[in-house]
Amino acid sequence: MQKIIPHLWFDDKAEEAVTLYTSIFTNARIVETSRYGEAGAEVSGRKAGSMMNMTFELAGQRFMALNGGPHFQFTPALSLFVDCETEEEIDMLWEKLSAGGMALMELGEYPFSKKFGWLMDAYGLTWQLSLSGNPQSIAPFFMFVGEQHGRAEEAISFYTSLFDHSKVGRIERYGANETDPEGTVKHASFTLYGQPFMAIDSGFPHAFTFNEAFSLFVNCDSQEEVDQLWNQFSDGGEPGQCGWLKDKFGVSWQIVPSVLGELMQKDPRKSEKVMQALLQMKKIEIAGLTEAYERG
């Protein structure tokens, strides 16, 4: 099971977006679709029976998409960085993803890449496409701006300390007389639980930062792991509802026991009871979910 899953919040366009994404990336498929029950519909304002979540894979990596309404919109603070193997591949992805969207950095040659482009697609999600010559892969890409500027290296150290099979890769820092303050992160790569991530600092006056539209969903094996990660991530951050929280850098995470998915898939009537219990929780308690399931 993939430990950390990028979770994307859409305003009623999740199915349309996922259908596009799975049609253009390699090794891609829709894994599972879930729908709003009565409890979830009442809280979210969505229609009971309408699509809630889709789990899907792109380049063999798992993602989740939520129809959550208009409350949050994607920003370039968290984007998806795509390594492309061939020019035909990067050109096709640029054409398909940019349709109805806009270019943030035009597709072309840059000092750091023979061919690179940064775009916002028709759904507001931002993508960075780079011709690397390597098989297609996708990594979440953090951009630390505004009040978070200069904290990329601190965040990387914090995140890699929390997960097994994690390490800091290459960190390139700004030198004297460059566009950003000397020593801040020009580009960094790191892994969390063996999964690739990237980060930069950007001192330009961006009118955005991290928000809930792009969160990171963490599958936890036990209540002990839920408790530990919840406490570590929420220290200096902001606890939310249903396992959601913001860390001290403003990045949104969902700390979720794997058993939740199992309980939600078995029996529709019992799953509704589990959802009702979940909606009353901040940190998720497995015992409370199990009790609700058994009562149902």
C-alpha atoms as a PDB file:
ATOM      1  CA  MET A   1       0.000   0.000   0.000  1.00  0.00           C
ATOM      2  CA  GLN A   2       1.303   3.467  -0.900  1.00  0.00           C
ATOM      3  CA  LYS A   3       2.001   5.290   2.353  1.00  0.00           C
ATOM      4  CA  ILE A   4       1.443   8.912   1.289  1.00  0.00           C
ATOM      5  CA  ILE A   5      -1.192   9.722  -1.334  1.00  0.00           C
ATOM      6  CA  PRO A   6      -1.654  13.163  -2.928  1.00  0.00           C
ATOM      7  CA  HIS A   7      -5.280  14.147  -2.273  1.00  0.00           C
ATOM      8  CA  LEU A   8      -6.861  16.639  -4.696  1.00  0.00           C
ATOM      9  CA  TRP A   9      -9.959  18.708  -3.852  1.00  0.00           C
ATOM     10  CA  PHE A  10     -12.196  19.548  -6.835  1.00  0.00           C
ATOM     11  CA  ASP A  11     -15.423  21.510  -7.158  1.00  0.00           C
ATOM     12  CA  ASP A  12     -17.686  18.869  -8.794  1.00  0.00           C
ATOM     13  CA  LYS A  13     -15.139  18.174 -11.556  1.00  0.00           C
ATOM     14  CA  ALA A  14     -13.218  15.298 -10.006  1.00  0.00           C
ATOM     15  CA  GLU A  15     -14.575  12.615 -12.319  1.00  0.00           C
ATOM     16  CA  GLU A  16     -13.978  14.715 -15.419  1.00  0.00           C
ATOM     17  CA  ALA A  17     -10.427  15.559 -14.310  1.00  0.00           C
ATOM     18  CA  VAL A  18      -9.535  11.989 -13.379  1.00  0.00           C
ATOM     19  CA  THR A  19     -10.897  10.704 -16.686  1.00  0.00           C
ATOM     20  CA  LEU A  20      -8.559  13.121 -18.493  1.00  0.00           C
ATOM     21  CA  TYR A  21      -5.529  12.333 -16.373  1.00  0.00           C
ATOM     22  CA  THR A  22      -5.888   8.558 -16.656  1.00  0.00           C
ATOM     23  CA  SER A  23      -6.265   8.849 -20.431  1.00  0.00           C
ATOM     24  CA  ILE A  24      -2.934  10.612 -21.008  1.00  0.00           C
ATOM     25  CA  PHE A  25      -0.450   9.216 -18.464  1.00  0.00           C
ATOM     26  CA  THR A  26       1.295   5.860 -18.669  1.00  0.00           C
ATOM     27  CA  ASN A  27       0.399   2.977 -16.357  1.00  0.00           C
ATOM     28  CA  ALA A  28      -2.810   4.786 -15.374  1.00  0.00           C
ATOM     29  CA  ARG A  29      -6.207   3.552 -14.197  1.00  0.00           C
ATOM     30  CA  ILE A  30      -9.207   4.378 -12.031  1.00  0.00           C
ATOM     31  CA  VAL A  31      -9.033   2.108  -8.973  1.00  0.00           C
ATOM     32  CA  GLU A  32     -12.171   2.877  -6.988  1.00  0.00           C
ATOM     33  CA  THR A  33     -15.102   5.305  -6.766  1.00  0.00           C
ATOM     34  CA  SER A  34     -17.102   6.065  -3.618  1.00  0.00           C
ATOM     35  CA  ARG A  35     -20.289   8.089  -3.260  1.00  0.00           C
ATOM     36  CA  TYR A  36     -21.788  10.371  -0.635  1.00  0.00           C
ATOM     37  CA  GLY A  37     -24.097   8.741   1.887  1.00  0.00           C
ATOM     38  CA  GLU A  38     -26.709  10.650   3.863  1.00  0.00           C
ATOM     39  CA  ALA A  39     -24.328  11.752   6.645  1.00  0.00           C
ATOM     40  CA  GLY A  40     -21.592  12.934   4.321  1.00  0.00           C
ATOM     41  CA  ALA A  41     -24.081  14.676   2.045  1.00  0.00           C
ATOM     42  CA  GLU A  42     -25.644  16.581   4.932  1.00  0.00           C
ATOM     43  CA  VAL A  43     -22.298  17.918   6.161  1.00  0.00           C
ATOM     44  CA  SER A  44     -20.778  18.664   2.755  1.00  0.00           C
ATOM     45  CA  GLY A  45     -23.836  20.016   1.015  1.00  0.00           C
ATOM     46  CA  ARG A  46     -23.325  17.509  -1.805  1.00  0.00           C
ATOM     47  CA  LYS A  47     -26.154  15.338  -3.101  1.00  0.00           C
ATOM     48  CA  ALA A  48     -26.525  11.865  -1.545  1.00  0.00           C
ATOM     49  CA  GLY A  49     -25.435   9.281  -4.099  1.00  0.00           C
ATOM     50  CA  SER A  50     -23.220  11.729  -5.981  1.00  0.00           C
ATOM     51  CA  MET A  51     -19.544  10.951  -6.499  1.00  0.00           C
ATOM     52  CA  MET A  52     -17.400  11.664  -3.427  1.00  0.00           C
ATOM     53  CA  ASN A  53     -13.928  10.167  -3.885  1.00  0.00           C
ATOM     54  CA  MET A  54     -12.015   8.576  -6.728  1.00  0.00           C
ATOM     55  CA  THR A  55      -8.791   6.668  -6.203  1.00  0.00           C
ATOM     56  CA  PHE A  56      -6.658   6.455  -9.326  1.00  0.00           C
ATOM     57  CA  GLU A  57      -3.135   5.790 -10.541  1.00  0.00           C
ATOM     58  CA  LEU A  58      -0.858   7.777 -12.840  1.00  0.00           C
ATOM     59  CA  ALA A  59       2.583   6.430 -13.796  1.00  0.00           C
ATOM     60  CA  GLY A  60       1.889   3.627 -11.329  1.00  0.00           C
ATOM     61  CA  GLN A  61       1.488   6.062  -8.427  1.00  0.00           C
ATOM     62  CA  ARG A  62      -1.721   6.419  -6.447  1.00  0.00           C
ATOM     63  CA  PHE A  63      -3.759   9.622  -6.099  1.00  0.00           C
ATOM     64  CA  MET A  64      -7.152  10.549  -4.640  1.00  0.00           C
ATOM     65  CA  ALA A  65      -9.684  13.074  -5.943  1.00  0.00           C
ATOM     66  CA  LEU A  66     -12.548  14.527  -3.919  1.00  0.00           C
ATOM     67  CA  ASN A  67     -15.668  16.377  -5.056  1.00  0.00           C
ATOM     68  CA  GLY A  68     -15.656  18.722  -2.090  1.00  0.00           C
ATOM     69  CA  GLY A  69     -17.298  21.871  -3.411  1.00  0.00           C
ATOM     70  CA  PRO A  70     -15.971  25.398  -3.980  1.00  0.00           C
ATOM     71  CA  HIS A  71     -14.353  25.937  -0.565  1.00  0.00           C
ATOM     72  CA  PHE A  72     -10.717  25.512  -1.673  1.00  0.00           C
ATOM     73  CA  GLN A  73      -8.887  26.146  -4.934  1.00  0.00           C
ATOM     74  CA  PHE A  74      -5.545  24.764  -6.074  1.00  0.00           C
ATOM     75  CA  THR A  75      -2.508  27.033  -5.971  1.00  0.00           C
ATOM     76  CA  PRO A  76       1.002  26.625  -7.456  1.00  0.00           C
ATOM     77  CA  ALA A  77       2.364  26.248  -3.906  1.00  0.00           C
ATOM     78  CA  LEU A  78       1.839  22.499  -4.363  1.00  0.00           C
ATOM     79  CA  SER A  79       2.140  21.154  -7.886  1.00  0.00           C
ATOM     80  CA  LEU A  80       2.913  17.833  -9.570  1.00  0.00           C
ATOM     81  CA  PHE A  81       6.332  17.491 -11.203  1.00  0.00           C
ATOM     82  CA  VAL A  82       6.414  15.040 -14.108  1.00  0.00           C
ATOM     83  CA  ASP A  83       9.615  13.515 -15.471  1.00  0.00           C
ATOM     84  CA  CYS A  84       9.113  12.761 -19.177  1.00  0.00           C
ATOM     85  CA  GLU A  85      11.162  10.284 -21.176  1.00  0.00           C
ATOM     86  CA  THR A  86      10.679  11.611 -24.729  1.00  0.00           C
ATOM     87  CA  GLU A  87       9.837  14.840 -26.540  1.00  0.00           C
ATOM     88  CA  GLU A  88       6.703  13.232 -27.949  1.00  0.00           C
ATOM     89  CA  GLU A  89       5.555  12.463 -24.410  1.00  0.00           C
ATOM     90  CA  ILE A  90       6.157  15.934 -22.990  1.00  0.00           C
ATOM     91  CA  ASP A  91       4.567  17.627 -26.023  1.00  0.00           C
ATOM     92  CA  MET A  92       1.443  15.459 -25.740  1.00  0.00           C
ATOM     93  CA  LEU A  93       1.084  16.040 -22.007  1.00  0.00           C
ATOM     94  CA  TRP A  94       1.535  19.788 -22.462  1.00  0.00           C
ATOM     95  CA  GLU A  95      -1.103  19.907 -25.188  1.00  0.00           C
ATOM     96  CA  LYS A  96      -3.666  17.873 -23.225  1.00  0.00           C
ATOM     97  CA  LEU A  97      -3.103  19.421 -19.800  1.00  0.00           C
ATOM     98  CA  SER A  98      -2.935  23.023 -21.009  1.00  0.00           C
ATOM     99  CA  ALA A  99      -6.249  22.825 -22.918  1.00  0.00           C
ATOM    100  CA  GLY A 100      -8.579  25.237 -21.138  1.00  0.00           C
ATOM    101  CA  GLY A 101      -5.830  26.212 -18.707  1.00  0.00           C
ATOM    102  CA  MET A 102      -2.878  28.593 -18.806  1.00  0.00           C
ATOM    103  CA  ALA A 103       0.903  28.519 -19.002  1.00  0.00           C
ATOM    104  CA  LEU A 104       2.846  29.677 -15.936  1.00  0.00           C
ATOM    105  CA  MET A 105       6.199  29.054 -17.639  1.00  0.00           C
ATOM    106  CA  GLU A 106       6.032  28.351 -21.371  1.00  0.00           C
ATOM    107  CA  LEU A 107       7.251  24.994 -22.631  1.00  0.00           C
ATOM    108  CA  GLY A 108      10.800  25.515 -23.854  1.00  0.00           C
ATOM    109  CA  GLU A 109      14.499  25.272 -23.054  1.00  0.00           C
ATOM    110  CA  TYR A 110      15.785  26.586 -19.710  1.00  0.00           C
ATOM    111  CA  PRO A 111      19.219  26.545 -18.024  1.00  0.00           C
ATOM    112  CA  PHE A 112      18.047  23.675 -15.790  1.00  0.00           C
ATOM    113  CA  SER A 113      16.235  21.606 -18.453  1.00  0.00           C
ATOM    114  CA  LYS A 114      16.432  20.951 -22.176  1.00  0.00           C
ATOM    115  CA  LYS A 115      12.631  21.167 -22.225  1.00  0.00           C
ATOM    116  CA  PHE A 116      10.409  22.308 -19.356  1.00  0.00           C
ATOM    117  CA  GLY A 117       7.032  23.938 -18.829  1.00  0.00           C
ATOM    118  CA  TRP A 118       4.788  24.846 -15.899  1.00  0.00           C
ATOM    119  CA  LEU A 119       1.033  25.073 -16.422  1.00  0.00           C
ATOM    120  CA  MET A 120      -2.300  25.317 -14.664  1.00  0.00           C
ATOM    121  CA  ASP A 121      -4.869  22.939 -16.136  1.00  0.00           C
ATOM    122  CA  ALA A 122      -8.581  23.641 -16.679  1.00  0.00           C
ATOM    123  CA  TYR A 123      -9.325  22.477 -13.108  1.00  0.00           C
ATOM    124  CA  GLY A 124      -6.740  24.746 -11.479  1.00  0.00           C
ATOM    125  CA  LEU A 125      -4.196  22.006 -10.685  1.00  0.00           C
ATOM    126  CA  THR A 126      -0.624  22.952 -11.598  1.00  0.00           C
ATOM    127  CA  TRP A 127       1.857  20.668 -13.341  1.00  0.00           C
ATOM    128  CA  GLN A 128       5.566  20.943 -14.069  1.00  0.00           C
ATOM    129  CA  LEU A 129       6.719  18.919 -17.069  1.00  0.00           C
ATOM    130  CA  SER A 130      10.415  18.232 -17.604  1.00  0.00           C
ATOM    131  CA  LEU A 131      12.207  16.248 -20.303  1.00  0.00           C
ATOM    132  CA  SER A 132      14.630  14.071 -18.345  1.00  0.00           C
ATOM    133  CA  GLY A 133      14.984  11.003 -20.548  1.00  0.00           C
ATOM    134  CA  ASN A 134      13.869   8.857 -17.613  1.00  0.00           C
ATOM    135  CA  PRO A 135      10.695   6.737 -17.480  1.00  0.00           C
ATOM    136  CA  GLN A 136       7.621   8.759 -16.521  1.00  0.00           C
ATOM    137  CA  SER A 137       7.292   9.546 -12.824  1.00  0.00           C
ATOM    138  CA  ILE A 138       5.385  12.126 -10.771  1.00  0.00           C
ATOM    139  CA  ALA A 139       6.430  13.893  -7.563  1.00  0.00           C
ATOM    140  CA  PRO A 140       4.624  16.450  -5.383  1.00  0.00           C
ATOM    141  CA  PHE A 141       6.504  19.761  -5.538  1.00  0.00           C
ATOM    142  CA  PHE A 142       6.398  22.237  -2.613  1.00  0.00           C
ATOM    143  CA  MET A 143       7.003  25.959  -3.184  1.00  0.00           C
ATOM    144  CA  PHE A 144       7.591  27.897   0.036  1.00  0.00           C
ATOM    145  CA  VAL A 145       6.448  31.476  -0.471  1.00  0.00           C
ATOM    146  CA  GLY A 146       5.345  34.493   1.565  1.00  0.00           C
ATOM    147  CA  GLU A 147       5.559  33.856   5.305  1.00  0.00           C
ATOM    148  CA  GLN A 148       6.884  30.343   4.585  1.00  0.00           C
ATOM    149  CA  HIS A 149       9.718  31.570   2.348  1.00  0.00           C
ATOM    150  CA  GLY A 150      13.101  30.335   3.527  1.00  0.00           C
ATOM    151  CA  ARG A 151      11.622  27.355   5.376  1.00  0.00           C
ATOM    152  CA  ALA A 152      11.960  24.688   2.663  1.00  0.00           C
ATOM    153  CA  GLU A 153      15.054  23.082   4.174  1.00  0.00           C
ATOM    154  CA  GLU A 154      13.516  23.145   7.661  1.00  0.00           C
ATOM    155  CA  ALA A 155      10.380  21.447   6.317  1.00  0.00           C
ATOM    156  CA  ILE A 156      12.389  18.792   4.490  1.00  0.00           C
ATOM    157  CA  SER A 157      14.328  17.964   7.661  1.00  0.00           C
ATOM    158  CA  PHE A 158      11.078  17.788   9.635  1.00  0.00           C
ATOM    159  CA  TYR A 159       9.232  15.580   7.160  1.00  0.00           C
ATOM    160  CA  THR A 160      12.107  13.136   6.660  1.00  0.00           C
ATOM    161  CA  SER A 161      12.393  12.748  10.454  1.00  0.00           C
ATOM    162  CA  LEU A 162       8.800  11.512  10.708  1.00  0.00           C
ATOM    163  CA  PHE A 163       8.694   8.683   8.168  1.00  0.00           C
ATOM    164  CA  ASP A 164      10.730   5.504   7.786  1.00  0.00           C
ATOM    165  CA  HIS A 165      12.602   4.934   4.524  1.00  0.00           C
ATOM    166  CA  SER A 166      13.085   8.690   4.098  1.00  0.00           C
ATOM    167  CA  LYS A 167      16.149  10.707   3.182  1.00  0.00           C
ATOM    168  CA  VAL A 168      17.269  14.116   2.012  1.00  0.00           C
ATOM    169  CA  GLY A 169      18.599  13.998  -1.529  1.00  0.00           C
ATOM    170  CA  ARG A 170      20.270  16.834  -3.386  1.00  0.00           C
ATOM    171  CA  ILE A 171      19.844  20.399  -2.084  1.00  0.00           C
ATOM    172  CA  GLU A 172      20.937  23.291  -4.295  1.00  0.00           C
ATOM    173  CA  ARG A 173      21.028  26.667  -2.533  1.00  0.00           C
ATOM    174  CA  TYR A 174      20.987  30.203  -3.839  1.00  0.00           C
ATOM    175  CA  GLY A 175      24.350  31.918  -3.890  1.00  0.00           C
ATOM    176  CA  ALA A 176      25.238  35.552  -3.386  1.00  0.00           C
ATOM    177  CA  ASN A 177      23.689  38.060  -5.797  1.00  0.00           C
ATOM    178  CA  GLU A 178      21.049  35.643  -7.100  1.00  0.00           C
ATOM    179  CA  THR A 179      17.296  36.257  -7.210  1.00  0.00           C
ATOM    180  CA  ASP A 180      16.626  34.873  -3.721  1.00  0.00           C
ATOM    181  CA  PRO A 181      18.518  35.328  -0.442  1.00  0.00           C
ATOM    182  CA  GLU A 182      21.782  33.438  -0.213  1.00  0.00           C
ATOM    183  CA  GLY A 183      21.400  29.985   1.342  1.00  0.00           C
ATOM    184  CA  THR A 184      17.696  29.529   0.614  1.00  0.00           C
ATOM    185  CA  VAL A 185      16.679  26.482  -1.420  1.00  0.00           C
ATOM    186  CA  LYS A 186      16.856  26.809  -5.189  1.00  0.00           C
ATOM    187  CA  HIS A 187      15.890  23.172  -5.644  1.00  0.00           C
ATOM    188  CA  ALA A 188      15.762  20.122  -3.387  1.00  0.00           C
ATOM    189  CA  SER A 189      14.766  16.486  -3.768  1.00  0.00           C
ATOM    190  CA  PHE A 190      13.891  14.117  -0.937  1.00  0.00           C
ATOM    191  CA  THR A 191      11.987  10.911  -0.263  1.00  0.00           C
ATOM    192  CA  LEU A 192       9.334  10.093   2.326  1.00  0.00           C
ATOM    193  CA  TYR A 193       8.693   6.395   2.860  1.00  0.00           C
ATOM    194  CA  GLY A 194      10.563   5.828  -0.400  1.00  0.00           C
ATOM    195  CA  GLN A 195       8.339   8.212  -2.382  1.00  0.00           C
ATOM    196  CA  PRO A 196       9.855  11.178  -4.281  1.00  0.00           C
ATOM    197  CA  PHE A 197       9.160  14.813  -3.374  1.00  0.00           C
ATOM    198  CA  MET A 198      10.704  18.151  -4.381  1.00  0.00           C
ATOM    199  CA  ALA A 199      10.808  21.623  -2.837  1.00  0.00           C
ATOM    200  CA  ILE A 200      12.003  25.168  -3.469  1.00  0.00           C
ATOM    201  CA  ASP A 201      11.933  28.564  -1.790  1.00  0.00           C
ATOM    202  CA  SER A 202      10.603  31.469  -3.828  1.00  0.00           C
ATOM    203  CA  GLY A 203      10.957  35.032  -2.604  1.00  0.00           C
ATOM    204  CA  PHE A 204       8.872  36.574  -5.376  1.00  0.00           C
ATOM    205  CA  PRO A 205       5.646  38.306  -4.189  1.00  0.00           C
ATOM    206  CA  HIS A 206       3.247  35.432  -4.881  1.00  0.00           C
ATOM    207  CA  ALA A 207      -0.412  35.931  -3.963  1.00  0.00           C
ATOM    208  CA  PHE A 208      -0.917  32.328  -2.816  1.00  0.00           C
ATOM    209  CA  THR A 209       0.337  29.726  -0.374  1.00  0.00           C
ATOM    210  CA  PHE A 210      -0.502  26.169   0.736  1.00  0.00           C
ATOM    211  CA  ASN A 211      -4.136  25.252   1.376  1.00  0.00           C
ATOM    212  CA  GLU A 212      -6.456  22.263   1.734  1.00  0.00           C
ATOM    213  CA  ALA A 213      -7.055  21.837  -2.007  1.00  0.00           C
ATOM    214  CA  PHE A 214      -3.851  19.777  -2.236  1.00  0.00           C
ATOM    215  CA  SER A 215      -3.298  17.687   0.882  1.00  0.00           C
ATOM    216  CA  LEU A 216      -1.260  14.589   1.642  1.00  0.00           C
ATOM    217  CA  PHE A 217      -3.193  11.526   2.836  1.00  0.00           C
ATOM    218  CA  VAL A 218      -1.165   9.243   5.124  1.00  0.00           C
ATOM    219  CA  ASN A 219      -2.180   5.594   5.535  1.00  0.00           C
ATOM    220  CA  CYS A 220      -1.491   4.528   9.124  1.00  0.00           C
ATOM    221  CA  ASP A 221      -1.243   0.920  10.273  1.00  0.00           C
ATOM    222  CA  SER A 222      -2.284   1.417  13.906  1.00  0.00           C
ATOM    223  CA  GLN A 223      -3.760   3.830  16.448  1.00  0.00           C
ATOM    224  CA  GLU A 224      -0.247   4.278  17.829  1.00  0.00           C
ATOM    225  CA  GLU A 225       0.950   5.548  14.453  1.00  0.00           C
ATOM    226  CA  VAL A 226      -2.099   7.827  14.092  1.00  0.00           C
ATOM    227  CA  ASP A 227      -1.446   9.293  17.556  1.00  0.00           C
ATOM    228  CA  GLN A 228       2.250   9.828  16.913  1.00  0.00           C
ATOM    229  CA  LEU A 229       1.895  11.496  13.516  1.00  0.00           C
ATOM    230  CA  TRP A 230      -1.104  13.573  14.629  1.00  0.00           C
ATOM    231  CA  ASN A 231       0.857  14.949  17.571  1.00  0.00           C
ATOM    232  CA  GLN A 232       3.995  15.599  15.526  1.00  0.00           C
ATOM    233  CA  PHE A 233       2.253  17.285  12.606  1.00  0.00           C
ATOM    234  CA  SER A 234      -0.138  19.352  14.714  1.00  0.00           C
ATOM    235  CA  ASP A 235       2.628  20.702  16.980  1.00  0.00           C
ATOM    236  CA  GLY A 236       2.761  24.347  15.931  1.00  0.00           C
ATOM    237  CA  GLY A 237       0.070  23.684  13.367  1.00  0.00           C
ATOM    238  CA  GLU A 238      -3.705  23.611  13.290  1.00  0.00           C
ATOM    239  CA  PRO A 239      -5.767  20.451  13.986  1.00  0.00           C
ATOM    240  CA  GLY A 240      -8.887  20.044  11.868  1.00  0.00           C
ATOM    241  CA  GLN A 241     -11.805  17.642  11.516  1.00  0.00           C
ATOM    242  CA  CYS A 242     -11.902  14.019  10.337  1.00  0.00           C
ATOM    243  CA  GLY A 243      -8.144  13.480  10.497  1.00  0.00           C
ATOM    244  CA  TRP A 244      -7.252  16.693   8.661  1.00  0.00           C
ATOM    245  CA  LEU A 245      -4.651  19.119  10.001  1.00  0.00           C
ATOM    246  CA  LYS A 246      -2.261  21.826   8.899  1.00  0.00           C
ATOM    247  CA  ASP A 247       1.365  21.544   9.945  1.00  0.00           C
ATOM    248  CA  LYS A 248       3.530  24.446  11.096  1.00  0.00           C
ATOM    249  CA  PHE A 249       4.339  25.304   7.481  1.00  0.00           C
ATOM    250  CA  GLY A 250       0.671  25.491   6.457  1.00  0.00           C
ATOM    251  CA  VAL A 251       0.729  22.221   4.484  1.00  0.00           C
ATOM    252  CA  SER A 252      -2.435  20.099   4.863  1.00  0.00           C
ATOM    253  CA  TRP A 253      -2.225  16.421   5.822  1.00  0.00           C
ATOM    254  CA  GLN A 254      -4.789  13.719   6.486  1.00  0.00           C
ATOM    255  CA  ILE A 255      -3.727  11.215   9.151  1.00  0.00           C
ATOM    256  CA  VAL A 256      -5.957   8.206   8.545  1.00  0.00           C
ATOM    257  CA  PRO A 257      -5.917   4.600   9.796  1.00  0.00           C
ATOM    258  CA  SER A 258      -6.047   2.110   6.927  1.00  0.00           C
ATOM    259  CA  VAL A 259      -8.920   0.290   8.641  1.00  0.00           C
ATOM    260  CA  LEU A 260     -11.224   3.222   7.834  1.00  0.00           C
ATOM    261  CA  GLY A 261     -11.267   2.261   4.169  1.00  0.00           C
ATOM    262  CA  GLU A 262     -12.069  -1.334   5.050  1.00  0.00           C
ATOM    263  CA  LEU A 263     -14.974  -0.328   7.287  1.00  0.00           C
ATOM    264  CA  MET A 264     -16.375   1.998   4.631  1.00  0.00           C
ATOM    265  CA  GLN A 265     -16.420  -0.681   1.932  1.00  0.00           C
ATOM    266  CA  LYS A 266     -18.134  -3.653   3.577  1.00  0.00           C
ATOM    267  CA  ASP A 267     -21.759  -2.847   4.351  1.00  0.00           C
ATOM    268  CA  PRO A 268     -23.529   0.356   3.170  1.00  0.00           C
ATOM    269  CA  ARG A 269     -25.706   0.637   6.287  1.00  0.00           C
ATOM    270  CA  LYS A 270     -22.815   0.087   8.654  1.00  0.00           C
ATOM    271  CA  SER A 271     -20.585   2.381   6.599  1.00  0.00           C
ATOM    272  CA  GLU A 272     -23.079   5.186   7.154  1.00  0.00           C
ATOM    273  CA  LYS A 273     -22.702   4.713  10.924  1.00  0.00           C
ATOM    274  CA  VAL A 274     -18.926   4.813  10.556  1.00  0.00           C
ATOM    275  CA  MET A 275     -19.196   8.072   8.601  1.00  0.00           C
ATOM    276  CA  GLN A 276     -21.418   9.579  11.302  1.00  0.00           C
ATOM    277  CA  ALA A 277     -18.802   8.680  13.932  1.00  0.00           C
ATOM    278  CA  LEU A 278     -15.945  10.005  11.785  1.00  0.00           C
ATOM    279  CA  LEU A 279     -17.652  13.376  11.352  1.00  0.00           C
ATOM    280  CA  GLN A 280     -17.561  13.873  15.134  1.00  0.00           C
ATOM    281  CA  MET A 281     -13.794  13.315  15.362  1.00  0.00           C
ATOM    282  CA  LYS A 282     -10.720  15.485  14.951  1.00  0.00           C
ATOM    283  CA  LYS A 283      -7.958  12.915  15.436  1.00  0.00           C
ATOM    284  CA  ILE A 284      -9.387   9.624  14.202  1.00  0.00           C
ATOM    285  CA  GLU A 285      -9.933   6.951  16.843  1.00  0.00           C
ATOM    286  CA  ILE A 286     -10.065   3.389  15.523  1.00  0.00           C
ATOM    287  CA  ALA A 287     -12.009   2.145  18.557  1.00  0.00           C
ATOM    288  CA  GLY A 288     -14.777   4.658  17.917  1.00  0.00           C
ATOM    289  CA  LEU A 289     -15.013   3.694  14.237  1.00  0.00           C
ATOM    290  CA  THR A 290     -15.113  -0.006  15.050  1.00  0.00           C
ATOM    291  CA  GLU A 291     -17.782   0.490  17.705  1.00  0.00           C
ATOM    292  CA  ALA A 292     -19.931   2.468  15.254  1.00  0.00           C
ATOM    293  CA  TYR A 293     -19.536  -0.285  12.664  1.00  0.00           C
ATOM    294  CA  GLU A 294     -20.528  -3.006  15.108  1.00  0.00           C
ATOM    295  CA  ARG A 295     -23.571  -1.006  16.291  1.00  0.00           C
ATOM    296  CA  GLY A 296     -24.682  -0.473  12.723  1.00  0.00           C
END
